[in-house]
PDB file of N, CA and C in Angstrom:
ATOM      1  N   MET A   1       0.835  -1.171   0.000  1.00  0.00           N
ATOM      2  CA  MET A   1       0.000   0.000   0.000  1.00  0.00           C
ATOM      3  C   MET A   1       0.885   1.240   0.000  1.00  0.00           C
ATOM      4  N   LYS A   2       0.693   2.087  -0.962  1.00  0.00           N
ATOM      5  CA  LYS A   2       1.472   3.310  -1.065  1.00  0.00           C
ATOM      6  C   LYS A   2       0.836   4.391  -0.200  1.00  0.00           C
ATOM      7  N   ILE A   3       1.659   5.025   0.613  1.00  0.00           N
ATOM      8  CA  ILE A   3       1.166   6.082   1.492  1.00  0.00           C
ATOM      9  C   ILE A   3       1.124   7.393   0.719  1.00  0.00           C
ATOM     10  N   LYS A   4      -0.009   8.074   0.817  1.00  0.00           N
ATOM     11  CA  LYS A   4      -0.131   9.383   0.183  1.00  0.00           C
ATOM     12  C   LYS A   4       0.774  10.374   0.900  1.00  0.00           C
ATOM     13  N   LYS A   5       1.208  11.355   0.165  1.00  0.00           N
ATOM     14  CA  LYS A   5       2.005  12.425   0.741  1.00  0.00           C
ATOM     15  C   LYS A   5       1.152  13.675   0.811  1.00  0.00           C
ATOM     16  N   PHE A   6       1.548  14.604   1.631  1.00  0.00           N
ATOM     17  CA  PHE A   6       0.808  15.855   1.762  1.00  0.00           C
ATOM     18  C   PHE A   6       0.793  16.622   0.441  1.00  0.00           C
ATOM     19  N   ASN A   7       1.859  16.510  -0.338  1.00  0.00           N
ATOM     20  CA  ASN A   7       1.925  17.215  -1.625  1.00  0.00           C
ATOM     21  C   ASN A   7       0.938  16.657  -2.644  1.00  0.00           C
ATOM     22  N   ASP A   8       0.472  15.424  -2.438  1.00  0.00           N
ATOM     23  CA  ASP A   8      -0.472  14.794  -3.365  1.00  0.00           C
ATOM     24  C   ASP A   8      -1.918  15.208  -3.097  1.00  0.00           C
ATOM     25  N   LEU A   9      -2.164  15.875  -1.964  1.00  0.00           N
ATOM     26  CA  LEU A   9      -3.535  16.234  -1.607  1.00  0.00           C
ATOM     27  C   LEU A   9      -4.089  17.320  -2.511  1.00  0.00           C
ATOM     28  N   LYS A  10      -5.408  17.221  -2.741  1.00  0.00           N
ATOM     29  CA  LYS A  10      -6.126  18.220  -3.541  1.00  0.00           C
ATOM     30  C   LYS A  10      -7.360  18.651  -2.755  1.00  0.00           C
ATOM     31  N   VAL A  11      -7.923  19.781  -3.126  1.00  0.00           N
ATOM     32  CA  VAL A  11      -9.150  20.256  -2.490  1.00  0.00           C
ATOM     33  C   VAL A  11     -10.231  19.191  -2.662  1.00  0.00           C
ATOM     34  N   GLY A  12     -10.922  18.878  -1.580  1.00  0.00           N
ATOM     35  CA  GLY A  12     -11.965  17.860  -1.605  1.00  0.00           C
ATOM     36  C   GLY A  12     -11.499  16.500  -1.109  1.00  0.00           C
ATOM     37  N   ASP A  13     -10.189  16.289  -0.999  1.00  0.00           N
ATOM     38  CA  ASP A  13      -9.668  15.017  -0.500  1.00  0.00           C
ATOM     39  C   ASP A  13      -9.989  14.858   0.986  1.00  0.00           C
ATOM     40  N   THR A  14     -10.044  13.613   1.412  1.00  0.00           N
ATOM     41  CA  THR A  14     -10.300  13.299   2.810  1.00  0.00           C
ATOM     42  C   THR A  14      -8.982  13.158   3.557  1.00  0.00           C
ATOM     43  N   VAL A  15      -8.924  13.755   4.751  1.00  0.00           N
ATOM     44  CA  VAL A  15      -7.793  13.589   5.653  1.00  0.00           C
ATOM     45  C   VAL A  15      -8.351  13.227   7.023  1.00  0.00           C
ATOM     46  N   VAL A  16      -7.491  12.669   7.855  1.00  0.00           N
ATOM     47  CA  VAL A  16      -7.885  12.346   9.222  1.00  0.00           C
ATOM     48  C   VAL A  16      -7.191  13.332  10.154  1.00  0.00           C
ATOM     49  N   VAL A  17      -7.976  13.975  10.997  1.00  0.00           N
ATOM     50  CA  VAL A  17      -7.440  14.877  12.009  1.00  0.00           C
ATOM     51  C   VAL A  17      -7.291  14.083  13.296  1.00  0.00           C
ATOM     52  N   TYR A  18      -6.107  14.164  13.909  1.00  0.00           N
ATOM     53  CA  TYR A  18      -5.850  13.417  15.140  1.00  0.00           C
ATOM     54  C   TYR A  18      -4.905  14.209  16.037  1.00  0.00           C
ATOM     55  N   GLU A  19      -4.852  13.816  17.287  1.00  0.00           N
ATOM     56  CA  GLU A  19      -3.881  14.365  18.232  1.00  0.00           C
ATOM     57  C   GLU A  19      -2.932  13.231  18.562  1.00  0.00           C
ATOM     58  N   PRO A  20      -1.654  13.357  18.208  1.00  0.00           N
ATOM     59  CA  PRO A  20      -0.732  12.235  18.366  1.00  0.00           C
ATOM     60  C   PRO A  20      -0.513  11.769  19.812  1.00  0.00           C
ATOM     61  N   TYR A  21      -0.652  12.635  20.779  1.00  0.00           N
ATOM     62  CA  TYR A  21      -0.346  12.246  22.160  1.00  0.00           C
ATOM     63  C   TYR A  21      -1.572  12.240  23.059  1.00  0.00           C
ATOM     64  N   SER A  22      -2.749  12.179  22.479  1.00  0.00           N
ATOM     65  CA  SER A  22      -3.972  12.219  23.270  1.00  0.00           C
ATOM     66  C   SER A  22      -4.792  10.955  23.049  1.00  0.00           C
ATOM     67  N   LYS A  23      -5.255  10.385  24.135  1.00  0.00           N
ATOM     68  CA  LYS A  23      -6.150   9.227  24.049  1.00  0.00           C
ATOM     69  C   LYS A  23      -7.609   9.675  24.134  1.00  0.00           C
ATOM     70  N   ARG A  24      -7.833  10.939  24.480  1.00  0.00           N
ATOM     71  CA  ARG A  24      -9.197  11.426  24.663  1.00  0.00           C
ATOM     72  C   ARG A  24      -9.819  11.949  23.374  1.00  0.00           C
ATOM     73  N   PHE A  25      -9.004  12.325  22.397  1.00  0.00           N
ATOM     74  CA  PHE A  25      -9.512  12.854  21.140  1.00  0.00           C
ATOM     75  C   PHE A  25      -9.697  11.712  20.154  1.00  0.00           C
ATOM     76  N   THR A  26     -10.876  11.597  19.605  1.00  0.00           N
ATOM     77  CA  THR A  26     -11.157  10.560  18.618  1.00  0.00           C
ATOM     78  C   THR A  26     -10.803  11.090  17.231  1.00  0.00           C
ATOM     79  N   PRO A  27      -9.920  10.396  16.510  1.00  0.00           N
ATOM     80  CA  PRO A  27      -9.593  10.849  15.156  1.00  0.00           C
ATOM     81  C   PRO A  27     -10.849  10.943  14.301  1.00  0.00           C
ATOM     82  N   GLN A  28     -10.887  11.945  13.430  1.00  0.00           N
ATOM     83  CA  GLN A  28     -12.070  12.143  12.599  1.00  0.00           C
ATOM     84  C   GLN A  28     -11.674  12.578  11.195  1.00  0.00           C
ATOM     85  N   GLU A  29     -12.513  12.220  10.240  1.00  0.00           N
ATOM     86  CA  GLU A  29     -12.274  12.603   8.857  1.00  0.00           C
ATOM     87  C   GLU A  29     -12.753  14.029   8.611  1.00  0.00           C
ATOM     88  N   GLU A  30     -11.978  14.754   7.822  1.00  0.00           N
ATOM     89  CA  GLU A  30     -12.360  16.084   7.373  1.00  0.00           C
ATOM     90  C   GLU A  30     -11.960  16.215   5.911  1.00  0.00           C
ATOM     91  N   LYS A  31     -12.525  17.192   5.246  1.00  0.00           N
ATOM     92  CA  LYS A  31     -12.221  17.449   3.838  1.00  0.00           C
ATOM     93  C   LYS A  31     -11.245  18.610   3.724  1.00  0.00           C
ATOM     94  N   VAL A  32     -10.354  18.521   2.761  1.00  0.00           N
ATOM     95  CA  VAL A  32      -9.441  19.623   2.459  1.00  0.00           C
ATOM     96  C   VAL A  32     -10.251  20.692   1.735  1.00  0.00           C
ATOM     97  N   THR A  33     -10.210  21.914   2.251  1.00  0.00           N
ATOM     98  CA  THR A  33     -10.993  23.002   1.651  1.00  0.00           C
ATOM     99  C   THR A  33     -10.128  23.967   0.849  1.00  0.00           C
ATOM    100  N   LYS A  34      -8.835  24.015   1.178  1.00  0.00           N
ATOM    101  CA  LYS A  34      -7.955  24.961   0.496  1.00  0.00           C
ATOM    102  C   LYS A  34      -6.516  24.493   0.673  1.00  0.00           C
ATOM    103  N   ILE A  35      -5.720  24.713  -0.357  1.00  0.00           N
ATOM    104  CA  ILE A  35      -4.300  24.403  -0.263  1.00  0.00           C
ATOM    105  C   ILE A  35      -3.521  25.638  -0.689  1.00  0.00           C
ATOM    106  N   GLY A  36      -2.730  26.147   0.232  1.00  0.00           N
ATOM    107  CA  GLY A  36      -1.915  27.316  -0.047  1.00  0.00           C
ATOM    108  C   GLY A  36      -0.466  26.929  -0.279  1.00  0.00           C
ATOM    109  N   ARG A  37       0.396  27.936  -0.321  1.00  0.00           N
ATOM    110  CA  ARG A  37       1.821  27.654  -0.520  1.00  0.00           C
ATOM    111  C   ARG A  37       2.425  26.930   0.680  1.00  0.00           C
ATOM    112  N   GLN A  38       1.988  27.314   1.906  1.00  0.00           N
ATOM    113  CA  GLN A  38       2.553  26.743   3.120  1.00  0.00           C
ATOM    114  C   GLN A  38       1.609  25.840   3.883  1.00  0.00           C
ATOM    115  N   TYR A  39       0.309  26.041   3.705  1.00  0.00           N
ATOM    116  CA  TYR A  39      -0.647  25.355   4.563  1.00  0.00           C
ATOM    117  C   TYR A  39      -1.735  24.615   3.791  1.00  0.00           C
ATOM    118  N   ILE A  40      -2.247  23.578   4.453  1.00  0.00           N
ATOM    119  CA  ILE A  40      -3.419  22.845   3.997  1.00  0.00           C
ATOM    120  C   ILE A  40      -4.533  23.199   4.983  1.00  0.00           C
ATOM    121  N   PHE A  41      -5.696  23.562   4.463  1.00  0.00           N
ATOM    122  CA  PHE A  41      -6.813  23.965   5.316  1.00  0.00           C
ATOM    123  C   PHE A  41      -7.913  22.923   5.260  1.00  0.00           C
ATOM    124  N   THR A  42      -8.513  22.648   6.429  1.00  0.00           N
ATOM    125  CA  THR A  42      -9.671  21.767   6.503  1.00  0.00           C
ATOM    126  C   THR A  42     -10.789  22.536   7.190  1.00  0.00           C
ATOM    127  N   ASP A  43     -11.990  22.053   7.032  1.00  0.00           N
ATOM    128  CA  ASP A  43     -13.121  22.741   7.640  1.00  0.00           C
ATOM    129  C   ASP A  43     -14.138  21.721   8.112  1.00  0.00           C
ATOM    130  N   ASP A  44     -14.273  21.604   9.410  1.00  0.00           N
ATOM    131  CA  ASP A  44     -15.335  20.789   9.992  1.00  0.00           C
ATOM    132  C   ASP A  44     -16.207  21.749  10.779  1.00  0.00           C
ATOM    133  N   ARG A  45     -15.963  21.894  12.040  1.00  0.00           N
ATOM    134  CA  ARG A  45     -16.647  22.930  12.816  1.00  0.00           C
ATOM    135  C   ARG A  45     -15.821  24.208  12.815  1.00  0.00           C
ATOM    136  N   PHE A  46     -14.514  24.052  12.704  1.00  0.00           N
ATOM    137  CA  PHE A  46     -13.590  25.181  12.700  1.00  0.00           C
ATOM    138  C   PHE A  46     -12.683  25.042  11.493  1.00  0.00           C
ATOM    139  N   THR A  47     -12.264  26.152  10.931  1.00  0.00           N
ATOM    140  CA  THR A  47     -11.260  26.090   9.874  1.00  0.00           C
ATOM    141  C   THR A  47      -9.904  25.931  10.547  1.00  0.00           C
ATOM    142  N   ARG A  48      -9.191  24.907  10.148  1.00  0.00           N
ATOM    143  CA  ARG A  48      -7.879  24.645  10.735  1.00  0.00           C
ATOM    144  C   ARG A  48      -6.839  24.629   9.629  1.00  0.00           C
ATOM    145  N   LYS A  49      -5.608  25.003   9.985  1.00  0.00           N
ATOM    146  CA  LYS A  49      -4.536  24.948   8.993  1.00  0.00           C
ATOM    147  C   LYS A  49      -3.414  24.054   9.500  1.00  0.00           C
ATOM    148  N   TYR A  50      -2.781  23.380   8.534  1.00  0.00           N
ATOM    149  CA  TYR A  50      -1.730  22.413   8.826  1.00  0.00           C
ATOM    150  C   TYR A  50      -0.552  22.679   7.907  1.00  0.00           C
ATOM    151  N   ASN A  51       0.638  22.475   8.433  1.00  0.00           N
ATOM    152  CA  ASN A  51       1.842  22.651   7.630  1.00  0.00           C
ATOM    153  C   ASN A  51       1.814  21.680   6.460  1.00  0.00           C
ATOM    154  N   LYS A  52       2.093  22.187   5.283  1.00  0.00           N
ATOM    155  CA  LYS A  52       1.991  21.396   4.049  1.00  0.00           C
ATOM    156  C   LYS A  52       3.068  20.310   3.957  1.00  0.00           C
ATOM    157  N   GLU A  53       4.161  20.468   4.682  1.00  0.00           N
ATOM    158  CA  GLU A  53       5.247  19.492   4.597  1.00  0.00           C
ATOM    159  C   GLU A  53       5.167  18.421   5.680  1.00  0.00           C
ATOM    160  N   THR A  54       4.677  18.809   6.873  1.00  0.00           N
ATOM    161  CA  THR A  54       4.700  17.881   8.002  1.00  0.00           C
ATOM    162  C   THR A  54       3.324  17.402   8.442  1.00  0.00           C
ATOM    163  N   GLY A  55       2.282  18.171   8.135  1.00  0.00           N
ATOM    164  CA  GLY A  55       0.942  17.817   8.577  1.00  0.00           C
ATOM    165  C   GLY A  55       0.616  18.302   9.975  1.00  0.00           C
ATOM    166  N   TYR A  56       1.579  18.978  10.623  1.00  0.00           N
ATOM    167  CA  TYR A  56       1.326  19.499  11.966  1.00  0.00           C
ATOM    168  C   TYR A  56       0.520  20.780  11.888  1.00  0.00           C
ATOM    169  N   GLY A  57      -0.436  20.908  12.820  1.00  0.00           N
ATOM    170  CA  GLY A  57      -1.293  22.077  12.814  1.00  0.00           C
ATOM    171  C   GLY A  57      -1.333  22.780  14.151  1.00  0.00           C
ATOM    172  N   GLU A  58      -2.325  23.608  14.290  1.00  0.00           N
ATOM    173  CA  GLU A  58      -2.492  24.401  15.503  1.00  0.00           C
ATOM    174  C   GLU A  58      -3.050  23.545  16.629  1.00  0.00           C
ATOM    175  N   TYR A  59      -2.752  23.938  17.865  1.00  0.00           N
ATOM    176  CA  TYR A  59      -3.312  23.329  19.076  1.00  0.00           C
ATOM    177  C   TYR A  59      -3.013  21.838  19.205  1.00  0.00           C
ATOM    178  N   GLY A  60      -1.926  21.376  18.625  1.00  0.00           N
ATOM    179  CA  GLY A  60      -1.521  19.983  18.757  1.00  0.00           C
ATOM    180  C   GLY A  60      -2.189  19.011  17.800  1.00  0.00           C
ATOM    181  N   TYR A  61      -3.017  19.504  16.887  1.00  0.00           N
ATOM    182  CA  TYR A  61      -3.675  18.631  15.922  1.00  0.00           C
ATOM    183  C   TYR A  61      -2.739  18.337  14.744  1.00  0.00           C
ATOM    184  N   CYS A  62      -2.920  17.184  14.143  1.00  0.00           N
ATOM    185  CA  CYS A  62      -2.172  16.777  12.961  1.00  0.00           C
ATOM    186  C   CYS A  62      -3.151  16.176  11.962  1.00  0.00           C
ATOM    187  N   ILE A  63      -2.695  16.050  10.717  1.00  0.00           N
ATOM    188  CA  ILE A  63      -3.525  15.371   9.724  1.00  0.00           C
ATOM    189  C   ILE A  63      -2.773  14.184   9.147  1.00  0.00           C
ATOM    190  N   TYR A  64      -3.550  13.186   8.786  1.00  0.00           N
ATOM    191  CA  TYR A  64      -3.043  12.020   8.058  1.00  0.00           C
ATOM    192  C   TYR A  64      -3.700  12.053   6.686  1.00  0.00           C
ATOM    193  N   PRO A  65      -2.925  11.987   5.610  1.00  0.00           N
ATOM    194  CA  PRO A  65      -3.510  12.078   4.261  1.00  0.00           C
ATOM    195  C   PRO A  65      -4.159  10.780   3.817  1.00  0.00           C
ATOM    196  N   GLY A  66      -5.414  10.588   4.190  1.00  0.00           N
ATOM    197  CA  GLY A  66      -6.151   9.392   3.822  1.00  0.00           C
ATOM    198  C   GLY A  66      -7.426   9.290   4.637  1.00  0.00           C
ATOM    199  N   THR A  67      -8.089   8.166   4.501  1.00  0.00           N
ATOM    200  CA  THR A  67      -9.347   7.942   5.213  1.00  0.00           C
ATOM    201  C   THR A  67      -9.076   7.401   6.612  1.00  0.00           C
ATOM    202  N   LEU A  68     -10.112   7.315   7.401  1.00  0.00           N
ATOM    203  CA  LEU A  68     -10.005   6.773   8.755  1.00  0.00           C
ATOM    204  C   LEU A  68      -9.552   5.314   8.717  1.00  0.00           C
ATOM    205  N   GLU A  69     -10.052   4.575   7.745  1.00  0.00           N
ATOM    206  CA  GLU A  69      -9.655   3.171   7.592  1.00  0.00           C
ATOM    207  C   GLU A  69      -8.147   3.065   7.292  1.00  0.00           C
ATOM    208  N   GLU A  70      -7.651   3.911   6.396  1.00  0.00           N
ATOM    209  CA  GLU A  70      -6.219   3.920   6.076  1.00  0.00           C
ATOM    210  C   GLU A  70      -5.387   4.356   7.281  1.00  0.00           C
ATOM    211  N   TYR A  71      -5.888   5.312   8.034  1.00  0.00           N
ATOM    212  CA  TYR A  71      -5.202   5.789   9.234  1.00  0.00           C
ATOM    213  C   TYR A  71      -5.085   4.665  10.263  1.00  0.00           C
ATOM    214  N   ASN A  72      -6.183   3.935  10.491  1.00  0.00           N
ATOM    215  CA  ASN A  72      -6.161   2.833  11.451  1.00  0.00           C
ATOM    216  C   ASN A  72      -5.216   1.727  11.001  1.00  0.00           C
ATOM    217  N   GLU A  73      -5.191   1.445   9.707  1.00  0.00           N
ATOM    218  CA  GLU A  73      -4.247   0.455   9.165  1.00  0.00           C
ATOM    219  C   GLU A  73      -2.813   0.923   9.388  1.00  0.00           C
ATOM    220  N   HIS A  74      -2.558   2.209   9.178  1.00  0.00           N
ATOM    221  CA  HIS A  74      -1.229   2.797   9.411  1.00  0.00           C
ATOM    222  C   HIS A  74      -0.806   2.603  10.872  1.00  0.00           C
ATOM    223  N   LEU A  75      -1.715   2.816  11.806  1.00  0.00           N
ATOM    224  CA  LEU A  75      -1.412   2.622  13.228  1.00  0.00           C
ATOM    225  C   LEU A  75      -1.079   1.166  13.529  1.00  0.00           C
ATOM    226  N   GLU A  76      -1.822   0.244  12.924  1.00  0.00           N
ATOM    227  CA  GLU A  76      -1.557  -1.182  13.135  1.00  0.00           C
ATOM    228  C   GLU A  76      -0.188  -1.577  12.582  1.00  0.00           C
ATOM    229  N   VAL A  77       0.151  -1.040  11.415  1.00  0.00           N
ATOM    230  CA  VAL A  77       1.456  -1.339  10.817  1.00  0.00           C
ATOM    231  C   VAL A  77       2.579  -0.779  11.691  1.00  0.00           C
ATOM    232  N   GLN A  78       2.388   0.419  12.221  1.00  0.00           N
ATOM    233  CA  GLN A  78       3.383   1.006  13.125  1.00  0.00           C
ATOM    234  C   GLN A  78       3.587   0.126  14.354  1.00  0.00           C
ATOM    235  N   LYS A  79       2.501  -0.368  14.925  1.00  0.00           N
ATOM    236  CA  LYS A  79       2.601  -1.223  16.109  1.00  0.00           C
ATOM    237  C   LYS A  79       3.305  -2.537  15.769  1.00  0.00           C
ATOM    238  N   LEU A  80       2.969  -3.118  14.625  1.00  0.00           N
ATOM    239  CA  LEU A  80       3.637  -4.355  14.209  1.00  0.00           C
ATOM    240  C   LEU A  80       5.128  -4.143  13.990  1.00  0.00           C
ATOM    241  N   ALA A  81       5.496  -3.024  13.363  1.00  0.00           N
ATOM    242  CA  ALA A  81       6.910  -2.725  13.133  1.00  0.00           C
ATOM    243  C   ALA A  81       7.652  -2.583  14.462  1.00  0.00           C
ATOM    244  N   TYR A  82       7.008  -1.944  15.414  1.00  0.00           N
ATOM    245  CA  TYR A  82       7.605  -1.815  16.746  1.00  0.00           C
ATOM    246  C   TYR A  82       7.778  -3.187  17.380  1.00  0.00           C
ATOM    247  N   ASP A  83       6.755  -4.035  17.287  1.00  0.00           N
ATOM    248  CA  ASP A  83       6.819  -5.382  17.859  1.00  0.00           C
ATOM    249  C   ASP A  83       7.929  -6.208  17.212  1.00  0.00           C
ATOM    250  N   VAL A  84       8.075  -6.098  15.893  1.00  0.00           N
ATOM    251  CA  VAL A  84       9.124  -6.834  15.187  1.00  0.00           C
ATOM    252  C   VAL A  84      10.502  -6.355  15.640  1.00  0.00           C
ATOM    253  N   SER A  85      10.687  -5.046  15.750  1.00  0.00           N
ATOM    254  CA  SER A  85      11.995  -4.535  16.167  1.00  0.00           C
ATOM    255  C   SER A  85      12.322  -4.977  17.594  1.00  0.00           C
ATOM    256  N   LYS A  86      11.324  -5.006  18.472  1.00  0.00           N
ATOM    257  CA  LYS A  86      11.545  -5.482  19.841  1.00  0.00           C
ATOM    258  C   LYS A  86      11.910  -6.967  19.855  1.00  0.00           C
ATOM    259  N   LEU A  87      11.217  -7.745  19.009  1.00  0.00           N
ATOM    260  CA  LEU A  87      11.483  -9.173  18.931  1.00  0.00           C
ATOM    261  C   LEU A  87      12.909  -9.438  18.449  1.00  0.00           C
ATOM    262  N   ILE A  88      13.347  -8.688  17.457  1.00  0.00           N
ATOM    263  CA  ILE A  88      14.719  -8.841  16.967  1.00  0.00           C
ATOM    264  C   ILE A  88      15.708  -8.447  18.063  1.00  0.00           C
ATOM    265  N   GLU A  89      15.421  -7.356  18.746  1.00  0.00           N
ATOM    266  CA  GLU A  89      16.296  -6.886  19.819  1.00  0.00           C
ATOM    267  C   GLU A  89      16.414  -7.921  20.945  1.00  0.00           C
ATOM    268  N   GLN A  90      15.301  -8.538  21.310  1.00  0.00           N
ATOM    269  CA  GLN A  90      15.299  -9.515  22.396  1.00  0.00           C
ATOM    270  C   GLN A  90      15.964 -10.832  22.001  1.00  0.00           C
ATOM    271  N   ASN A  91      15.979 -11.137  20.705  1.00  0.00           N
ATOM    272  CA  ASN A  91      16.495 -12.433  20.255  1.00  0.00           C
ATOM    273  C   ASN A  91      17.749 -12.334  19.401  1.00  0.00           C
ATOM    274  N   TYR A  92      18.427 -11.201  19.444  1.00  0.00           N
ATOM    275  CA  TYR A  92      19.573 -11.044  18.548  1.00  0.00           C
ATOM    276  C   TYR A  92      20.649 -12.092  18.802  1.00  0.00           C
ATOM    277  N   GLY A  93      20.740 -12.604  20.004  1.00  0.00           N
ATOM    278  CA  GLY A  93      21.734 -13.640  20.309  1.00  0.00           C
ATOM    279  C   GLY A  93      21.441 -14.959  19.630  1.00  0.00           C
ATOM    280  N   ASN A  94      20.185 -15.197  19.283  1.00  0.00           N
ATOM    281  CA  ASN A  94      19.787 -16.449  18.627  1.00  0.00           C
ATOM    282  C   ASN A  94      19.786 -16.335  17.109  1.00  0.00           C
ATOM    283  N   LEU A  95      20.044 -15.150  16.598  1.00  0.00           N
ATOM    284  CA  LEU A  95      20.006 -14.944  15.152  1.00  0.00           C
ATOM    285  C   LEU A  95      21.414 -15.045  14.578  1.00  0.00           C
ATOM    286  N   ASN A  96      21.562 -15.916  13.591  1.00  0.00           N
ATOM    287  CA  ASN A  96      22.862 -16.002  12.932  1.00  0.00           C
ATOM    288  C   ASN A  96      22.859 -15.124  11.679  1.00  0.00           C
ATOM    289  N   ARG A  97      23.970 -15.091  10.987  1.00  0.00           N
ATOM    290  CA  ARG A  97      24.125 -14.239   9.807  1.00  0.00           C
ATOM    291  C   ARG A  97      23.075 -14.547   8.740  1.00  0.00           C
ATOM    292  N   ILE A  98      22.797 -15.829   8.504  1.00  0.00           N
ATOM    293  CA  ILE A  98      21.846 -16.227   7.461  1.00  0.00           C
ATOM    294  C   ILE A  98      20.442 -15.715   7.798  1.00  0.00           C
ATOM    295  N   LYS A  99      20.022 -15.888   9.043  1.00  0.00           N
ATOM    296  CA  LYS A  99      18.698 -15.416   9.446  1.00  0.00           C
ATOM    297  C   LYS A  99      18.598 -13.899   9.313  1.00  0.00           C
ATOM    298  N   LEU A 100      19.644 -13.193   9.726  1.00  0.00           N
ATOM    299  CA  LEU A 100      19.626 -11.729   9.625  1.00  0.00           C
ATOM    300  C   LEU A 100      19.597 -11.273   8.162  1.00  0.00           C
ATOM    301  N   GLU A 101      20.342 -11.967   7.295  1.00  0.00           N
ATOM    302  CA  GLU A 101      20.319 -11.630   5.870  1.00  0.00           C
ATOM    303  C   GLU A 101      18.934 -11.902   5.273  1.00  0.00           C
ATOM    304  N   GLN A 102      18.254 -12.954   5.744  1.00  0.00           N
ATOM    305  CA  GLN A 102      16.894 -13.240   5.284  1.00  0.00           C
ATOM    306  C   GLN A 102      15.936 -12.121   5.714  1.00  0.00           C
ATOM    307  N   ILE A 103      16.079 -11.650   6.940  1.00  0.00           N
ATOM    308  CA  ILE A 103      15.239 -10.546   7.420  1.00  0.00           C
ATOM    309  C   ILE A 103      15.482  -9.311   6.586  1.00  0.00           C
ATOM    310  N   ILE A 104      16.739  -9.010   6.305  1.00  0.00           N
ATOM    311  CA  ILE A 104      17.075  -7.841   5.482  1.00  0.00           C
ATOM    312  C   ILE A 104      16.503  -7.996   4.087  1.00  0.00           C
ATOM    313  N   SER A 105      16.568  -9.191   3.518  1.00  0.00           N
ATOM    314  CA  SER A 105      16.009  -9.432   2.183  1.00  0.00           C
ATOM    315  C   SER A 105      14.505  -9.215   2.159  1.00  0.00           C
ATOM    316  N   ILE A 106      13.826  -9.666   3.207  1.00  0.00           N
ATOM    317  CA  ILE A 106      12.381  -9.468   3.291  1.00  0.00           C
ATOM    318  C   ILE A 106      12.073  -7.998   3.373  1.00  0.00           C
ATOM    319  N   ILE A 107      12.790  -7.269   4.199  1.00  0.00           N
ATOM    320  CA  ILE A 107      12.564  -5.835   4.347  1.00  0.00           C
ATOM    321  C   ILE A 107      12.829  -5.097   3.033  1.00  0.00           C
ATOM    322  N   ASN A 108      13.854  -5.499   2.321  1.00  0.00           N
ATOM    323  CA  ASN A 108      14.192  -4.843   1.047  1.00  0.00           C
ATOM    324  C   ASN A 108      13.382  -5.383  -0.121  1.00  0.00           C
ATOM    325  N   ASP A 109      12.462  -6.310   0.146  1.00  0.00           N
ATOM    326  CA  ASP A 109      11.573  -6.882  -0.860  1.00  0.00           C
ATOM    327  C   ASP A 109      12.354  -7.619  -1.954  1.00  0.00           C
ATOM    328  N   GLU A 110      13.386  -8.335  -1.529  1.00  0.00           N
ATOM    329  CA  GLU A 110      14.210  -9.079  -2.480  1.00  0.00           C
ATOM    330  C   GLU A 110      13.807 -10.549  -2.448  1.00  0.00           C
ATOM    331  N   GLU A 111      14.173 -11.266  -3.491  1.00  0.00           N
ATOM    332  CA  GLU A 111      13.955 -12.702  -3.535  1.00  0.00           C
ATOM    333  C   GLU A 111      15.012 -13.371  -2.655  1.00  0.00           C
ATOM    334  N   ILE A 112      14.582 -14.385  -1.909  1.00  0.00           N
ATOM    335  CA  ILE A 112      15.528 -15.115  -1.040  1.00  0.00           C
ATOM    336  C   ILE A 112      16.088 -16.295  -1.788  1.00  0.00           C
TER     337      ILE A 112
END
């Protein structure tokens, strides 16, 4: 699955507004209403602006370029990647060169 970039967004596209460090705010979909040189604007109850390069906005809000379903999938993939890195870290003593090269090949999408 290819992740959309902020530069690919157009007026009318769906983005997810979320607070990265808050468990109390429920992520929600909003529509892009305007794209300027520096900012992307959305409009739900309030007009909000977000940095066009990073997606960071005012008051701690951020946007994810995609739907709520894509955002939730992104969160699951992030958690899995974290779990895999922890598993490798905990078991590095049991991994030999061949196993590590196989992991690298999988990550680089190469044929084994």
